[in-house]
Protein backbone atom coordinates (compact mmCIF):
# COMPACT_ATOMS: atom_id res chain seq x y z
CA MET A 1 100.76 26.00 -4.20
CA HIS A 2 100.52 22.72 -5.86
CA LYS A 3 98.01 21.40 -3.28
CA LEU A 4 95.83 24.54 -3.78
CA MET A 5 95.86 24.03 -7.71
CA ILE A 6 94.73 20.39 -7.15
CA GLY A 7 91.99 21.46 -4.72
CA VAL A 8 90.72 24.14 -7.25
CA ALA A 9 90.72 21.50 -9.98
CA LEU A 10 88.77 18.99 -7.89
CA ALA A 11 86.25 21.56 -6.75
CA THR A 12 85.64 22.74 -10.46
CA LEU A 13 85.13 19.08 -11.47
CA ALA A 14 82.77 18.34 -8.51
CA PHE A 15 80.56 21.42 -9.12
CA GLY A 16 80.78 21.68 -12.98
CA CYS A 17 79.75 18.05 -13.69
CA LYS A 18 76.15 16.81 -13.61
CA LYS A 19 74.73 13.43 -14.27
CA LYS A 20 73.48 13.32 -17.91
CA ASP A 21 69.96 12.56 -16.69
CA ASP A 22 70.01 15.77 -14.66
CA ALA A 23 71.32 17.87 -17.61
CA ALA A 24 68.55 16.51 -19.84
CA THR A 25 65.82 17.80 -17.51
CA ASP A 26 67.37 21.17 -16.79
CA LYS A 27 66.17 23.02 -19.89
CA GLY A 28 64.03 21.75 -22.62
CA GLY A 29 62.92 18.56 -20.90
CA ASP A 30 62.12 15.95 -23.48
CA LYS A 31 63.53 17.88 -26.49
CA GLY A 32 65.70 15.73 -28.59
CA LYS A 33 64.72 12.54 -26.75
CA PRO A 34 62.90 9.78 -28.75
CA ALA A 35 59.24 9.50 -28.38
CA ASP A 36 57.57 6.70 -26.45
CA THR A 37 56.15 4.87 -29.50
CA SER A 38 54.80 1.96 -27.50
CA ALA A 39 51.29 3.48 -27.32
CA LEU A 40 51.04 3.82 -31.12
CA PRO A 41 49.42 1.03 -33.03
CA ALA A 42 51.35 -1.22 -35.38
CA LEU A 43 51.50 0.05 -38.89
CA THR A 44 50.40 -1.83 -41.95
CA ALA A 45 52.57 -1.30 -45.07
CA ASP A 46 50.87 0.06 -48.18
CA PRO A 47 50.98 -2.48 -50.99
CA ASP A 48 54.02 -2.62 -53.23
CA PRO A 49 53.21 -0.85 -56.45
CA GLY A 50 55.01 -3.41 -58.44
CA ALA A 51 56.91 -2.51 -61.74
CA ILE A 52 56.46 1.07 -62.70
CA THR A 53 56.55 2.25 -66.41
CA ALA A 54 57.86 5.73 -66.32
CA ALA A 55 55.84 8.34 -68.18
CA ASP A 56 55.87 12.09 -68.67
CA LYS A 57 54.44 13.60 -65.51
CA PRO A 58 53.98 17.17 -64.02
CA PRO A 59 56.58 17.74 -61.24
CA PHE A 60 54.14 17.18 -58.44
CA GLU A 61 52.72 13.96 -59.89
CA SER A 62 56.21 12.47 -60.42
CA VAL A 63 56.54 10.80 -57.07
CA LYS A 64 54.37 8.26 -55.23
CA PHE A 65 55.11 7.41 -51.53
CA ARG A 66 54.51 4.11 -49.96
CA MET A 67 54.21 3.89 -46.17
CA LEU A 68 56.13 1.06 -44.65
CA ASP A 69 55.30 -1.02 -41.57
CA LYS A 70 58.11 0.59 -39.40
CA ARG A 71 58.46 3.83 -37.52
CA ASN A 72 61.27 6.14 -36.71
CA THR A 73 62.26 7.11 -33.21
CA ASN A 74 59.59 9.78 -33.04
CA GLY A 75 56.77 7.63 -34.19
CA TRP A 76 56.49 8.76 -37.86
CA PRO A 77 56.07 5.97 -40.46
CA LYS A 78 59.06 5.37 -42.75
CA TYR A 79 58.37 5.50 -46.51
CA ASP A 80 59.72 4.52 -49.90
CA ALA A 81 59.39 6.98 -52.77
CA TYR A 82 58.82 5.83 -56.25
CA ASN A 83 59.56 8.00 -59.41
CA LEU A 84 56.71 7.75 -61.78
CA GLY A 85 58.26 10.27 -64.17
CA THR A 86 60.94 10.13 -66.85
CA LYS A 87 63.37 12.42 -65.15
CA PRO A 88 65.70 11.22 -62.14
CA VAL A 89 64.56 12.96 -58.90
CA ALA A 90 67.52 14.60 -57.00
CA PHE A 91 65.73 16.57 -54.25
CA MET A 92 62.36 16.86 -52.49
CA ALA A 93 61.09 18.92 -49.49
CA ILE A 94 58.72 16.40 -47.73
CA TYR A 95 56.12 17.12 -44.98
CA GLY A 96 54.43 14.43 -42.88
CA TYR A 97 50.83 14.69 -41.53
CA ALA A 98 49.08 12.53 -38.83
CA TYR A 99 45.33 12.15 -38.41
CA ASP A 100 43.16 10.70 -35.64
CA LYS A 101 40.55 7.90 -36.22
CA ASP A 102 38.04 10.60 -37.18
CA GLY A 103 40.37 12.14 -39.79
CA LYS A 104 41.19 15.19 -37.81
CA GLN A 105 44.96 16.35 -38.18
CA VAL A 106 46.76 15.85 -34.97
CA ALA A 107 50.31 16.64 -36.14
CA ARG A 108 52.40 18.03 -38.98
CA THR A 109 56.18 17.93 -39.18
CA ALA A 110 57.47 21.41 -38.30
CA VAL A 111 59.88 21.70 -41.16
CA PRO A 112 60.15 19.57 -44.35
CA LEU A 113 62.64 16.70 -44.66
CA SER A 114 65.26 17.97 -47.20
CA TRP A 115 65.61 14.62 -49.06
CA ASN A 116 68.62 14.50 -51.37
CA GLY A 117 69.48 11.48 -53.38
CA LYS A 118 68.60 10.03 -56.68
CA ILE A 119 65.63 8.17 -57.79
CA ALA A 120 65.90 6.83 -61.41
CA PRO A 121 62.79 6.88 -63.57
CA GLY A 122 60.63 3.87 -62.59
CA ALA A 123 62.67 3.16 -59.50
CA LYS A 124 62.27 3.65 -55.77
CA THR A 125 64.53 5.17 -53.08
CA ASP A 126 67.58 3.28 -52.01
CA TRP A 127 66.83 3.81 -48.29
CA ASP A 128 63.77 4.39 -46.08
CA ILE A 129 62.54 7.98 -45.89
CA GLY A 130 62.19 9.06 -42.15
CA LEU A 131 60.15 12.22 -41.44
CA GLY A 132 60.13 14.59 -38.48
CA GLY A 133 62.78 16.49 -36.51
CA THR A 134 63.65 16.04 -32.88
CA ASP A 135 60.52 17.93 -31.59
CA ASP A 136 58.05 16.37 -34.23
CA LYS A 137 56.66 13.55 -32.12
CA VAL A 138 53.62 11.57 -33.18
CA PRO A 139 50.78 11.81 -30.58
CA ALA A 140 49.10 8.60 -29.38
CA THR A 141 45.91 9.69 -31.09
CA ALA A 142 47.48 9.20 -34.63
CA ALA A 143 45.72 6.64 -36.67
CA SER A 144 46.68 7.42 -40.16
CA TYR A 145 49.22 9.40 -42.05
CA ALA A 146 49.86 11.47 -45.24
CA VAL A 147 52.96 12.67 -46.99
CA CYS A 148 53.26 15.73 -49.07
CA TYR A 149 56.09 17.52 -51.03
CA ASN A 150 56.15 21.08 -52.03
CA SER A 151 59.52 21.28 -53.79
CA ILE A 152 61.20 18.96 -56.20
CA LYS A 153 64.43 19.08 -58.33
CA PHE A 154 65.25 16.87 -61.13
CA GLU A 155 68.72 15.82 -61.98
CA GLY A 156 70.27 18.21 -64.52
CA ASP A 157 67.84 21.06 -63.71
CA ALA A 158 69.37 24.39 -62.64
CA ASP A 159 66.46 25.10 -60.26
CA MET A 160 63.88 23.28 -58.22
CA THR A 161 60.25 23.61 -58.76
CA SER A 162 58.25 24.78 -55.67
CA ASP A 163 54.62 25.44 -54.72
CA ASN A 164 54.29 26.22 -50.98
CA LYS A 165 50.49 25.91 -51.22
CA LEU A 166 50.71 22.18 -51.73
CA CYS A 167 51.57 21.41 -48.09
CA PRO A 168 49.58 23.85 -45.86
CA GLU A 169 49.78 23.90 -42.10
CA GLN A 170 46.31 22.28 -41.99
CA MET A 171 45.58 19.56 -44.69
CA PRO A 172 42.36 17.73 -44.83
CA LYS A 173 42.69 14.01 -44.95
CA LYS A 174 42.03 12.69 -48.49
């Protein structure tokens, strides 16, 4: 009986285990794998805005994004966000857009990044903002990028301010 139990255990182990590479190709293929960003051109960081004097701003004019010269694993540029307003920013729902050399949109992040943190008035984010989920890979044709936020919450506010029309599925390059 003891030999039978060991035999069943070994058979289960042999048939139930796959190499990790085989498991990744069974269902979903490339889902969740980092994009091959080697074909994407090097990024040039936007200029540093320098010292910011906080001023009263409407919610959707309160944050400025600065593209950095580095990418995340799916090819999206990383960003800093600057608070131009007088109230600390606590939350933003951020979308990314990619455009080809002719200005045609070639990608948009499927869901917004739900950014939570604190940006003091006149300050910038403490860490790089990385956009895109596991399936939001940047195509090799991408040549420029844009960022849009359609929800923002300020520290101390009970509710966020949202306008879903600000980040449509298709957004012309500005």
